[in-house]
């Protein structure tokens, strides 16, 4: 009976994939216009979505109406992981995911999720916009994922329901939601917490019901998700500077002619500049809004967290795959 149930579940999942392929046949060319379907998991007020709207307008303008973008926000087509799987199948053209999720598909991306990897935001941009960032984007192609650029997702910090976090020891025993990311789980566990992977869409309810005691994310996500209604402590330890990545399916990319590829890449590049400007203002606005809503903003000694996580970094430095990347990132000026 167990085996039959298992087979039944597989058949249902396969049917769902086929249905999705039929409903959202990627790279539609009806009416002579190339339509690119893009899905993401964030709110329509988020800087990522606003930048994508601008991307669509730029793509229409650059291509003289020959290409357009169709955007599905707020997990309409699934979680970040599910959207990546749709890209791999060729059932979706584009998406935006956190590096923390992407590392499950393109392993070398893990290096960007290591705690306290970057000196500051400017350092992260120098790395992402340079040869190292391009090398990591190219890494995804062997997994049917064409990396096109990096959006700013700020620094991630801890927010909790009942216990403020002033030092690493304050995380002892707390169940902290993380993405499905090995580096994120290692980071929380290394600080004494209990890393608990939960999808973004389920997190608000999980916080309310006590499934987890807190989470970690950037200020705009903390604010726009309304998690501040449940969590009244936000500790800005800024343990990771984890970018978002704009990706296309290689199935889609290879169907585009060279002119169309150029138009799409140009529209993405313009959206990256636009999104980073939007992000800078949204980050400050979010902090002010949650503070006004009664959240205590804590600015702990970051070195205490970095010192406790030193062994995490040392472990990756011992791995040939990551040692050279880490050294190059640390040497980037």
C-alpha atoms as a PDB file:
ATOM      1  CA  UNK A   1       0.000   0.000   0.000  1.00  0.00           C
ATOM      2  CA  UNK A   2       2.846   2.394   0.879  1.00  0.00           C
ATOM      3  CA  UNK A   3       4.481   1.727  -2.493  1.00  0.00           C
ATOM      4  CA  UNK A   4       1.210   2.305  -4.359  1.00  0.00           C
ATOM      5  CA  UNK A   5       0.681   5.592  -2.498  1.00  0.00           C
ATOM      6  CA  UNK A   6       4.212   6.648  -3.394  1.00  0.00           C
ATOM      7  CA  UNK A   7       3.622   5.888  -7.082  1.00  0.00           C
ATOM      8  CA  UNK A   8       0.315   7.738  -6.905  1.00  0.00           C
ATOM      9  CA  UNK A   9       2.072  10.827  -5.528  1.00  0.00           C
ATOM     10  CA  UNK A  10       4.667  10.683  -8.314  1.00  0.00           C
ATOM     11  CA  UNK A  11       1.924  10.449 -10.950  1.00  0.00           C
ATOM     12  CA  UNK A  12       0.097  13.442  -9.446  1.00  0.00           C
ATOM     13  CA  UNK A  13       3.316  15.467  -9.386  1.00  0.00           C
ATOM     14  CA  UNK A  14       4.097  14.518 -12.997  1.00  0.00           C
ATOM     15  CA  UNK A  15       0.587  15.510 -14.050  1.00  0.00           C
ATOM     16  CA  UNK A  16       1.023  18.858 -12.288  1.00  0.00           C
ATOM     17  CA  UNK A  17       4.255  19.479 -14.188  1.00  0.00           C
ATOM     18  CA  UNK A  18       2.637  18.593 -17.517  1.00  0.00           C
ATOM     19  CA  UNK A  19      -0.295  20.884 -16.688  1.00  0.00           C
ATOM     20  CA  UNK A  20       2.101  23.699 -15.865  1.00  0.00           C
ATOM     21  CA  UNK A  21       3.983  23.120 -19.106  1.00  0.00           C
ATOM     22  CA  UNK A  22       0.735  23.321 -21.023  1.00  0.00           C
ATOM     23  CA  UNK A  23      -0.602  26.396 -19.203  1.00  0.00           C
ATOM     24  CA  UNK A  24       2.610  28.356 -19.194  1.00  0.00           C
ATOM     25  CA  UNK A  25       4.389  27.339 -22.366  1.00  0.00           C
ATOM     26  CA  UNK A  26       7.542  29.398 -22.119  1.00  0.00           C
ATOM     27  CA  UNK A  27       8.762  31.953 -24.598  1.00  0.00           C
ATOM     28  CA  UNK A  28       5.423  32.493 -26.346  1.00  0.00           C
ATOM     29  CA  UNK A  29       5.676  34.069 -29.811  1.00  0.00           C
ATOM     30  CA  UNK A  30       1.983  34.614 -30.544  1.00  0.00           C
ATOM     31  CA  UNK A  31       1.269  37.581 -32.791  1.00  0.00           C
ATOM     32  CA  UNK A  32       4.936  37.865 -33.775  1.00  0.00           C
ATOM     33  CA  UNK A  33       5.824  39.268 -30.326  1.00  0.00           C
ATOM     34  CA  UNK A  34       8.251  37.340 -28.132  1.00  0.00           C
ATOM     35  CA  UNK A  35       6.698  37.108 -24.657  1.00  0.00           C
ATOM     36  CA  UNK A  36       9.036  36.257 -21.780  1.00  0.00           C
ATOM     37  CA  UNK A  37       7.308  34.862 -18.685  1.00  0.00           C
ATOM     38  CA  UNK A  38       8.971  35.787 -15.398  1.00  0.00           C
ATOM     39  CA  UNK A  39       7.880  34.608 -11.925  1.00  0.00           C
ATOM     40  CA  UNK A  40       9.101  35.518  -8.446  1.00  0.00           C
ATOM     41  CA  UNK A  41       7.981  35.129  -4.846  1.00  0.00           C
ATOM     42  CA  UNK A  42       7.932  38.690  -3.551  1.00  0.00           C
ATOM     43  CA  UNK A  43       5.267  41.319  -2.857  1.00  0.00           C
ATOM     44  CA  UNK A  44       4.353  43.756  -5.640  1.00  0.00           C
ATOM     45  CA  UNK A  45       5.588  46.637  -3.453  1.00  0.00           C
ATOM     46  CA  UNK A  46       9.058  45.111  -3.184  1.00  0.00           C
ATOM     47  CA  UNK A  47      11.953  46.790  -5.013  1.00  0.00           C
ATOM     48  CA  UNK A  48      12.540  43.556  -6.947  1.00  0.00           C
ATOM     49  CA  UNK A  49       9.055  43.595  -8.455  1.00  0.00           C
ATOM     50  CA  UNK A  50       9.217  47.330  -9.197  1.00  0.00           C
ATOM     51  CA  UNK A  51      12.566  46.823 -10.952  1.00  0.00           C
ATOM     52  CA  UNK A  52      11.065  44.001 -13.004  1.00  0.00           C
ATOM     53  CA  UNK A  53       8.172  46.218 -14.058  1.00  0.00           C
ATOM     54  CA  UNK A  54      10.795  48.709 -15.239  1.00  0.00           C
ATOM     55  CA  UNK A  55      12.637  45.848 -16.957  1.00  0.00           C
ATOM     56  CA  UNK A  56       9.477  45.072 -18.906  1.00  0.00           C
ATOM     57  CA  UNK A  57       9.048  48.682 -19.968  1.00  0.00           C
ATOM     58  CA  UNK A  58      12.698  48.898 -21.039  1.00  0.00           C
ATOM     59  CA  UNK A  59      12.492  45.608 -22.934  1.00  0.00           C
ATOM     60  CA  UNK A  60       9.441  46.828 -24.836  1.00  0.00           C
ATOM     61  CA  UNK A  61      11.192  50.112 -25.667  1.00  0.00           C
ATOM     62  CA  UNK A  62      14.583  48.603 -26.597  1.00  0.00           C
ATOM     63  CA  UNK A  63      12.993  45.986 -28.860  1.00  0.00           C
ATOM     64  CA  UNK A  64      10.495  48.409 -30.437  1.00  0.00           C
ATOM     65  CA  UNK A  65       7.664  46.266 -29.120  1.00  0.00           C
ATOM     66  CA  UNK A  66       9.067  42.982 -30.442  1.00  0.00           C
ATOM     67  CA  UNK A  67       9.647  41.572 -26.935  1.00  0.00           C
ATOM     68  CA  UNK A  68       7.624  41.907 -23.770  1.00  0.00           C
ATOM     69  CA  UNK A  69       7.746  40.692 -20.200  1.00  0.00           C
ATOM     70  CA  UNK A  70       4.854  38.970 -18.417  1.00  0.00           C
ATOM     71  CA  UNK A  71       5.376  38.995 -14.621  1.00  0.00           C
ATOM     72  CA  UNK A  72       3.872  36.582 -12.072  1.00  0.00           C
ATOM     73  CA  UNK A  73       4.681  37.876  -8.529  1.00  0.00           C
ATOM     74  CA  UNK A  74       3.940  36.627  -5.007  1.00  0.00           C
ATOM     75  CA  UNK A  75       4.615  32.911  -5.602  1.00  0.00           C
ATOM     76  CA  UNK A  76       1.805  32.641  -8.161  1.00  0.00           C
ATOM     77  CA  UNK A  77       3.804  29.958  -9.968  1.00  0.00           C
ATOM     78  CA  UNK A  78       5.439  28.469  -6.883  1.00  0.00           C
ATOM     79  CA  UNK A  79       8.272  28.939  -4.437  1.00  0.00           C
ATOM     80  CA  UNK A  80      11.758  30.012  -5.504  1.00  0.00           C
ATOM     81  CA  UNK A  81      12.866  26.399  -5.658  1.00  0.00           C
ATOM     82  CA  UNK A  82       9.844  25.432  -7.757  1.00  0.00           C
ATOM     83  CA  UNK A  83      10.484  28.321 -10.150  1.00  0.00           C
ATOM     84  CA  UNK A  84      14.065  27.134 -10.624  1.00  0.00           C
ATOM     85  CA  UNK A  85      12.774  23.655 -11.404  1.00  0.00           C
ATOM     86  CA  UNK A  86      10.374  25.136 -13.975  1.00  0.00           C
ATOM     87  CA  UNK A  87      13.322  26.956 -15.576  1.00  0.00           C
ATOM     88  CA  UNK A  88      15.237  23.699 -15.794  1.00  0.00           C
ATOM     89  CA  UNK A  89      12.256  22.053 -17.484  1.00  0.00           C
ATOM     90  CA  UNK A  90      11.845  24.964 -19.886  1.00  0.00           C
ATOM     91  CA  UNK A  91       8.323  25.622 -18.571  1.00  0.00           C
ATOM     92  CA  UNK A  92       9.199  29.127 -17.330  1.00  0.00           C
ATOM     93  CA  UNK A  93      11.485  31.696 -18.939  1.00  0.00           C
ATOM     94  CA  UNK A  94      12.850  33.753 -16.050  1.00  0.00           C
ATOM     95  CA  UNK A  95      12.866  34.096 -12.291  1.00  0.00           C
ATOM     96  CA  UNK A  96      14.588  35.809  -9.384  1.00  0.00           C
ATOM     97  CA  UNK A  97      15.896  33.746  -6.497  1.00  0.00           C
ATOM     98  CA  UNK A  98      18.098  34.240  -3.484  1.00  0.00           C
ATOM     99  CA  UNK A  99      21.614  32.866  -3.734  1.00  0.00           C
ATOM    100  CA  UNK A 100      20.680  30.829  -0.649  1.00  0.00           C
ATOM    101  CA  UNK A 101      18.199  28.828  -2.742  1.00  0.00           C
ATOM    102  CA  UNK A 102      20.318  28.829  -5.894  1.00  0.00           C
ATOM    103  CA  UNK A 103      23.221  27.134  -4.114  1.00  0.00           C
ATOM    104  CA  UNK A 104      21.160  23.917  -4.118  1.00  0.00           C
ATOM    105  CA  UNK A 105      21.290  23.975  -7.938  1.00  0.00           C
ATOM    106  CA  UNK A 106      24.687  25.605  -8.587  1.00  0.00           C
ATOM    107  CA  UNK A 107      26.921  24.522  -5.659  1.00  0.00           C
ATOM    108  CA  UNK A 108      29.716  27.090  -6.097  1.00  0.00           C
ATOM    109  CA  UNK A 109      27.169  29.814  -5.261  1.00  0.00           C
ATOM    110  CA  UNK A 110      27.557  28.696  -1.637  1.00  0.00           C
ATOM    111  CA  UNK A 111      30.588  30.953  -1.353  1.00  0.00           C
ATOM    112  CA  UNK A 112      28.334  34.041  -1.473  1.00  0.00           C
ATOM    113  CA  UNK A 113      26.286  32.720   1.447  1.00  0.00           C
ATOM    114  CA  UNK A 114      29.176  32.298   3.853  1.00  0.00           C
ATOM    115  CA  UNK A 115      28.762  34.475   6.972  1.00  0.00           C
ATOM    116  CA  UNK A 116      30.714  37.747   7.048  1.00  0.00           C
ATOM    117  CA  UNK A 117      32.111  36.996   3.582  1.00  0.00           C
ATOM    118  CA  UNK A 118      32.062  40.676   2.560  1.00  0.00           C
ATOM    119  CA  UNK A 119      33.596  43.664   4.317  1.00  0.00           C
ATOM    120  CA  UNK A 120      30.663  45.890   3.404  1.00  0.00           C
ATOM    121  CA  UNK A 121      28.066  46.480   0.684  1.00  0.00           C
ATOM    122  CA  UNK A 122      30.530  48.196  -1.646  1.00  0.00           C
ATOM    123  CA  UNK A 123      32.856  45.201  -1.424  1.00  0.00           C
ATOM    124  CA  UNK A 124      29.998  42.875  -2.366  1.00  0.00           C
ATOM    125  CA  UNK A 125      29.196  44.966  -5.452  1.00  0.00           C
ATOM    126  CA  UNK A 126      32.848  44.939  -6.529  1.00  0.00           C
ATOM    127  CA  UNK A 127      32.804  41.136  -6.351  1.00  0.00           C
ATOM    128  CA  UNK A 128      29.386  40.572  -7.928  1.00  0.00           C
ATOM    129  CA  UNK A 129      29.899  43.016 -10.801  1.00  0.00           C
ATOM    130  CA  UNK A 130      33.387  41.735 -11.560  1.00  0.00           C
ATOM    131  CA  UNK A 131      34.913  38.524 -12.930  1.00  0.00           C
ATOM    132  CA  UNK A 132      34.099  36.472  -9.814  1.00  0.00           C
ATOM    133  CA  UNK A 133      30.424  37.339 -10.036  1.00  0.00           C
ATOM    134  CA  UNK A 134      30.372  36.488 -13.740  1.00  0.00           C
ATOM    135  CA  UNK A 135      32.193  33.209 -13.121  1.00  0.00           C
ATOM    136  CA  UNK A 136      29.490  32.217 -10.621  1.00  0.00           C
ATOM    137  CA  UNK A 137      26.680  33.250 -12.984  1.00  0.00           C
ATOM    138  CA  UNK A 138      28.248  31.117 -15.716  1.00  0.00           C
ATOM    139  CA  UNK A 139      28.368  28.167 -13.307  1.00  0.00           C
ATOM    140  CA  UNK A 140      24.591  27.818 -13.526  1.00  0.00           C
ATOM    141  CA  UNK A 141      24.527  27.117 -17.271  1.00  0.00           C
ATOM    142  CA  UNK A 142      25.447  23.455 -16.824  1.00  0.00           C
ATOM    143  CA  UNK A 143      22.260  23.198 -14.721  1.00  0.00           C
ATOM    144  CA  UNK A 144      20.071  24.885 -17.424  1.00  0.00           C
ATOM    145  CA  UNK A 145      20.148  28.214 -15.539  1.00  0.00           C
ATOM    146  CA  UNK A 146      21.464  31.293 -17.344  1.00  0.00           C
ATOM    147  CA  UNK A 147      22.572  33.914 -14.798  1.00  0.00           C
ATOM    148  CA  UNK A 148      21.905  37.459 -16.029  1.00  0.00           C
ATOM    149  CA  UNK A 149      22.629  39.718 -13.065  1.00  0.00           C
ATOM    150  CA  UNK A 150      22.540  40.386  -9.332  1.00  0.00           C
ATOM    151  CA  UNK A 151      19.932  42.405  -7.442  1.00  0.00           C
ATOM    152  CA  UNK A 152      20.722  43.930  -4.066  1.00  0.00           C
ATOM    153  CA  UNK A 153      19.126  42.052  -1.174  1.00  0.00           C
ATOM    154  CA  UNK A 154      20.986  43.868   1.572  1.00  0.00           C
ATOM    155  CA  UNK A 155      22.208  42.222   4.749  1.00  0.00           C
ATOM    156  CA  UNK A 156      20.349  39.522   6.619  1.00  0.00           C
ATOM    157  CA  UNK A 157      19.813  39.768  10.378  1.00  0.00           C
ATOM    158  CA  UNK A 158      17.836  37.957  13.076  1.00  0.00           C
ATOM    159  CA  UNK A 159      14.312  38.817  14.188  1.00  0.00           C
ATOM    160  CA  UNK A 160      12.681  37.034  17.109  1.00  0.00           C
ATOM    161  CA  UNK A 161       9.375  36.816  18.962  1.00  0.00           C
ATOM    162  CA  UNK A 162      10.106  36.576  22.674  1.00  0.00           C
ATOM    163  CA  UNK A 163      13.843  36.929  23.245  1.00  0.00           C
ATOM    164  CA  UNK A 164      16.079  39.764  22.014  1.00  0.00           C
ATOM    165  CA  UNK A 165      19.408  38.762  20.489  1.00  0.00           C
ATOM    166  CA  UNK A 166      22.312  40.843  21.785  1.00  0.00           C
ATOM    167  CA  UNK A 167      24.990  38.145  21.499  1.00  0.00           C
ATOM    168  CA  UNK A 168      25.275  34.694  19.908  1.00  0.00           C
ATOM    169  CA  UNK A 169      24.391  32.927  23.158  1.00  0.00           C
ATOM    170  CA  UNK A 170      20.932  34.514  23.015  1.00  0.00           C
ATOM    171  CA  UNK A 171      20.169  32.228  20.065  1.00  0.00           C
ATOM    172  CA  UNK A 172      20.771  29.077  22.100  1.00  0.00           C
ATOM    173  CA  UNK A 173      17.862  26.676  21.591  1.00  0.00           C
ATOM    174  CA  UNK A 174      15.806  29.069  19.451  1.00  0.00           C
ATOM    175  CA  UNK A 175      14.182  27.591  16.343  1.00  0.00           C
ATOM    176  CA  UNK A 176      15.152  29.977  13.550  1.00  0.00           C
ATOM    177  CA  UNK A 177      13.606  29.763  10.101  1.00  0.00           C
ATOM    178  CA  UNK A 178      16.088  29.585   7.254  1.00  0.00           C
ATOM    179  CA  UNK A 179      15.856  29.026   3.514  1.00  0.00           C
ATOM    180  CA  UNK A 180      16.614  25.587   2.099  1.00  0.00           C
ATOM    181  CA  UNK A 181      20.281  26.505   2.186  1.00  0.00           C
ATOM    182  CA  UNK A 182      23.159  24.474   3.602  1.00  0.00           C
ATOM    183  CA  UNK A 183      25.182  27.597   4.408  1.00  0.00           C
ATOM    184  CA  UNK A 184      22.229  29.220   6.202  1.00  0.00           C
ATOM    185  CA  UNK A 185      21.585  26.091   8.266  1.00  0.00           C
ATOM    186  CA  UNK A 186      25.264  25.781   9.157  1.00  0.00           C
ATOM    187  CA  UNK A 187      25.347  29.438  10.145  1.00  0.00           C
ATOM    188  CA  UNK A 188      22.339  29.294  12.506  1.00  0.00           C
ATOM    189  CA  UNK A 189      23.421  25.981  14.031  1.00  0.00           C
ATOM    190  CA  UNK A 190      26.944  27.338  14.456  1.00  0.00           C
ATOM    191  CA  UNK A 191      25.556  30.180  16.544  1.00  0.00           C
ATOM    192  CA  UNK A 192      23.646  27.803  18.811  1.00  0.00           C
ATOM    193  CA  UNK A 193      20.212  28.103  17.237  1.00  0.00           C
ATOM    194  CA  UNK A 194      18.151  25.332  15.668  1.00  0.00           C
ATOM    195  CA  UNK A 195      17.928  25.965  11.917  1.00  0.00           C
ATOM    196  CA  UNK A 196      14.443  25.184  10.590  1.00  0.00           C
ATOM    197  CA  UNK A 197      13.865  25.335   6.803  1.00  0.00           C
ATOM    198  CA  UNK A 198      10.379  26.684   6.000  1.00  0.00           C
ATOM    199  CA  UNK A 199       9.111  28.205   2.750  1.00  0.00           C
ATOM    200  CA  UNK A 200       8.692  31.982   2.739  1.00  0.00           C
ATOM    201  CA  UNK A 201       4.952  31.782   2.119  1.00  0.00           C
ATOM    202  CA  UNK A 202       4.396  29.652   5.240  1.00  0.00           C
ATOM    203  CA  UNK A 203       6.580  31.679   7.596  1.00  0.00           C
ATOM    204  CA  UNK A 204       4.053  34.189   8.974  1.00  0.00           C
ATOM    205  CA  UNK A 205       1.746  31.414  10.195  1.00  0.00           C
ATOM    206  CA  UNK A 206       4.708  29.408  11.512  1.00  0.00           C
ATOM    207  CA  UNK A 207       5.810  32.386  13.592  1.00  0.00           C
ATOM    208  CA  UNK A 208       2.273  32.940  14.889  1.00  0.00           C
ATOM    209  CA  UNK A 209       1.824  29.302  15.863  1.00  0.00           C
ATOM    210  CA  UNK A 210       5.239  28.961  17.489  1.00  0.00           C
ATOM    211  CA  UNK A 211       6.598  26.483  14.948  1.00  0.00           C
ATOM    212  CA  UNK A 212       9.671  28.737  14.945  1.00  0.00           C
ATOM    213  CA  UNK A 213      10.872  31.395  17.400  1.00  0.00           C
ATOM    214  CA  UNK A 214      12.267  33.723  14.778  1.00  0.00           C
ATOM    215  CA  UNK A 215      13.851  34.085  11.365  1.00  0.00           C
ATOM    216  CA  UNK A 216      16.578  35.993   9.542  1.00  0.00           C
ATOM    217  CA  UNK A 217      16.178  38.337   6.619  1.00  0.00           C
ATOM    218  CA  UNK A 218      16.743  41.856   5.337  1.00  0.00           C
ATOM    219  CA  UNK A 219      14.699  44.907   6.508  1.00  0.00           C
ATOM    220  CA  UNK A 220      12.353  45.269   3.478  1.00  0.00           C
ATOM    221  CA  UNK A 221      11.425  41.585   3.588  1.00  0.00           C
ATOM    222  CA  UNK A 222      10.840  41.772   7.357  1.00  0.00           C
ATOM    223  CA  UNK A 223       8.584  44.775   6.822  1.00  0.00           C
ATOM    224  CA  UNK A 224       6.652  43.844   3.661  1.00  0.00           C
ATOM    225  CA  UNK A 225       5.959  40.325   4.952  1.00  0.00           C
ATOM    226  CA  UNK A 226       4.432  41.913   8.095  1.00  0.00           C
ATOM    227  CA  UNK A 227       6.515  39.569  10.231  1.00  0.00           C
ATOM    228  CA  UNK A 228       7.088  42.569  12.505  1.00  0.00           C
ATOM    229  CA  UNK A 229       3.511  42.052  13.729  1.00  0.00           C
ATOM    230  CA  UNK A 230       4.702  38.858  15.407  1.00  0.00           C
ATOM    231  CA  UNK A 231       8.425  39.470  16.002  1.00  0.00           C
ATOM    232  CA  UNK A 232       9.222  42.526  18.114  1.00  0.00           C
ATOM    233  CA  UNK A 233      13.026  42.228  18.206  1.00  0.00           C
ATOM    234  CA  UNK A 234      15.301  42.867  15.226  1.00  0.00           C
ATOM    235  CA  UNK A 235      19.025  42.362  15.842  1.00  0.00           C
ATOM    236  CA  UNK A 236      21.159  43.895  13.083  1.00  0.00           C
ATOM    237  CA  UNK A 237      24.121  41.534  13.227  1.00  0.00           C
ATOM    238  CA  UNK A 238      24.173  41.522   9.381  1.00  0.00           C
ATOM    239  CA  UNK A 239      25.640  38.025   9.219  1.00  0.00           C
ATOM    240  CA  UNK A 240      25.294  37.604   5.451  1.00  0.00           C
ATOM    241  CA  UNK A 241      25.138  39.864   2.414  1.00  0.00           C
ATOM    242  CA  UNK A 242      23.153  37.520   0.223  1.00  0.00           C
ATOM    243  CA  UNK A 243      22.277  38.838  -3.256  1.00  0.00           C
ATOM    244  CA  UNK A 244      19.306  37.927  -5.405  1.00  0.00           C
ATOM    245  CA  UNK A 245      20.022  36.505  -8.855  1.00  0.00           C
ATOM    246  CA  UNK A 246      18.065  37.148 -12.057  1.00  0.00           C
ATOM    247  CA  UNK A 247      18.026  33.986 -14.158  1.00  0.00           C
ATOM    248  CA  UNK A 248      16.707  32.753 -17.478  1.00  0.00           C
ATOM    249  CA  UNK A 249      16.139  29.186 -18.545  1.00  0.00           C
ATOM    250  CA  UNK A 250      18.867  28.086 -20.961  1.00  0.00           C
ATOM    251  CA  UNK A 251      16.046  26.482 -22.965  1.00  0.00           C
ATOM    252  CA  UNK A 252      14.598  29.972 -23.466  1.00  0.00           C
ATOM    253  CA  UNK A 253      17.943  31.716 -23.920  1.00  0.00           C
ATOM    254  CA  UNK A 254      18.988  29.333 -26.682  1.00  0.00           C
ATOM    255  CA  UNK A 255      15.716  29.930 -28.534  1.00  0.00           C
ATOM    256  CA  UNK A 256      16.408  33.668 -28.704  1.00  0.00           C
ATOM    257  CA  UNK A 257      18.404  35.024 -31.611  1.00  0.00           C
ATOM    258  CA  UNK A 258      21.495  37.112 -30.837  1.00  0.00           C
ATOM    259  CA  UNK A 259      19.572  40.383 -31.164  1.00  0.00           C
ATOM    260  CA  UNK A 260      16.873  39.213 -28.741  1.00  0.00           C
ATOM    261  CA  UNK A 261      19.519  38.022 -26.271  1.00  0.00           C
ATOM    262  CA  UNK A 262      21.144  41.448 -26.445  1.00  0.00           C
ATOM    263  CA  UNK A 263      17.828  43.229 -25.861  1.00  0.00           C
ATOM    264  CA  UNK A 264      16.984  41.057 -22.857  1.00  0.00           C
ATOM    265  CA  UNK A 265      20.437  41.403 -21.284  1.00  0.00           C
ATOM    266  CA  UNK A 266      20.322  45.176 -21.739  1.00  0.00           C
ATOM    267  CA  UNK A 267      16.911  45.351 -20.050  1.00  0.00           C
ATOM    268  CA  UNK A 268      18.178  43.234 -17.143  1.00  0.00           C
ATOM    269  CA  UNK A 269      21.300  45.410 -16.744  1.00  0.00           C
ATOM    270  CA  UNK A 270      19.152  48.548 -16.586  1.00  0.00           C
ATOM    271  CA  UNK A 271      16.868  46.906 -14.030  1.00  0.00           C
ATOM    272  CA  UNK A 272      19.850  46.006 -11.821  1.00  0.00           C
ATOM    273  CA  UNK A 273      20.848  49.683 -11.593  1.00  0.00           C
ATOM    274  CA  UNK A 274      17.238  50.691 -10.929  1.00  0.00           C
ATOM    275  CA  UNK A 275      16.648  47.986  -8.306  1.00  0.00           C
ATOM    276  CA  UNK A 276      19.749  48.885  -6.316  1.00  0.00           C
ATOM    277  CA  UNK A 277      18.614  52.506  -6.092  1.00  0.00           C
ATOM    278  CA  UNK A 278      15.138  51.424  -5.004  1.00  0.00           C
ATOM    279  CA  UNK A 279      16.649  49.037  -2.471  1.00  0.00           C
ATOM    280  CA  UNK A 280      18.745  51.716  -0.760  1.00  0.00           C
ATOM    281  CA  UNK A 281      15.693  53.851   0.007  1.00  0.00           C
ATOM    282  CA  UNK A 282      13.393  50.911   0.842  1.00  0.00           C
ATOM    283  CA  UNK A 283      15.839  49.556   3.407  1.00  0.00           C
ATOM    284  CA  UNK A 284      15.801  52.751   5.481  1.00  0.00           C
ATOM    285  CA  UNK A 285      12.034  53.136   5.090  1.00  0.00           C
ATOM    286  CA  UNK A 286      11.506  49.569   6.319  1.00  0.00           C
ATOM    287  CA  UNK A 287      13.626  50.074   9.439  1.00  0.00           C
ATOM    288  CA  UNK A 288      11.764  53.263  10.297  1.00  0.00           C
ATOM    289  CA  UNK A 289       8.373  51.611   9.724  1.00  0.00           C
ATOM    290  CA  UNK A 290       9.006  48.543  11.901  1.00  0.00           C
ATOM    291  CA  UNK A 291      10.452  50.716  14.650  1.00  0.00           C
ATOM    292  CA  UNK A 292       7.328  52.868  14.546  1.00  0.00           C
ATOM    293  CA  UNK A 293       5.290  49.654  14.843  1.00  0.00           C
ATOM    294  CA  UNK A 294       6.980  48.823  18.140  1.00  0.00           C
ATOM    295  CA  UNK A 295       9.938  46.691  17.057  1.00  0.00           C
ATOM    296  CA  UNK A 296      13.104  47.087  19.115  1.00  0.00           C
ATOM    297  CA  UNK A 297      16.073  47.627  16.780  1.00  0.00           C
ATOM    298  CA  UNK A 298      19.217  46.130  18.299  1.00  0.00           C
ATOM    299  CA  UNK A 299      22.743  46.848  17.078  1.00  0.00           C
ATOM    300  CA  UNK A 300      24.900  44.089  18.583  1.00  0.00           C
ATOM    301  CA  UNK A 301      28.669  43.687  18.439  1.00  0.00           C
ATOM    302  CA  UNK A 302      29.041  41.923  15.073  1.00  0.00           C
ATOM    303  CA  UNK A 303      32.530  40.673  15.892  1.00  0.00           C
ATOM    304  CA  UNK A 304      31.056  38.306  18.505  1.00  0.00           C
ATOM    305  CA  UNK A 305      29.009  36.602  15.788  1.00  0.00           C
ATOM    306  CA  UNK A 306      31.886  36.593  13.289  1.00  0.00           C
ATOM    307  CA  UNK A 307      34.268  35.022  15.802  1.00  0.00           C
ATOM    308  CA  UNK A 308      31.818  32.252  16.679  1.00  0.00           C
ATOM    309  CA  UNK A 309      31.381  31.459  12.975  1.00  0.00           C
ATOM    310  CA  UNK A 310      35.088  31.460  12.111  1.00  0.00           C
ATOM    311  CA  UNK A 311      35.120  27.652  11.989  1.00  0.00           C
ATOM    312  CA  UNK A 312      32.431  27.743   9.282  1.00  0.00           C
ATOM    313  CA  UNK A 313      34.705  29.801   7.056  1.00  0.00           C
ATOM    314  CA  UNK A 314      37.748  27.683   7.901  1.00  0.00           C
ATOM    315  CA  UNK A 315      35.896  24.523   6.827  1.00  0.00           C
ATOM    316  CA  UNK A 316      35.200  25.979   3.380  1.00  0.00           C
ATOM    317  CA  UNK A 317      38.776  27.245   3.047  1.00  0.00           C
ATOM    318  CA  UNK A 318      39.933  23.640   3.388  1.00  0.00           C
ATOM    319  CA  UNK A 319      37.801  22.664   0.399  1.00  0.00           C
ATOM    320  CA  UNK A 320      39.627  23.063  -2.924  1.00  0.00           C
ATOM    321  CA  UNK A 321      36.394  24.050  -4.661  1.00  0.00           C
ATOM    322  CA  UNK A 322      35.963  27.116  -2.471  1.00  0.00           C
ATOM    323  CA  UNK A 323      39.447  28.050  -1.220  1.00  0.00           C
ATOM    324  CA  UNK A 324      40.487  29.905  -4.377  1.00  0.00           C
ATOM    325  CA  UNK A 325      37.127  31.709  -4.617  1.00  0.00           C
ATOM    326  CA  UNK A 326      37.296  32.826  -0.982  1.00  0.00           C
ATOM    327  CA  UNK A 327      40.842  34.139  -1.407  1.00  0.00           C
ATOM    328  CA  UNK A 328      39.897  36.035  -4.583  1.00  0.00           C
ATOM    329  CA  UNK A 329      36.848  37.567  -2.884  1.00  0.00           C
ATOM    330  CA  UNK A 330      38.863  38.630   0.170  1.00  0.00           C
ATOM    331  CA  UNK A 331      41.531  40.194  -2.077  1.00  0.00           C
ATOM    332  CA  UNK A 332      39.010  42.156  -4.161  1.00  0.00           C
ATOM    333  CA  UNK A 333      39.313  45.893  -3.516  1.00  0.00           C
END
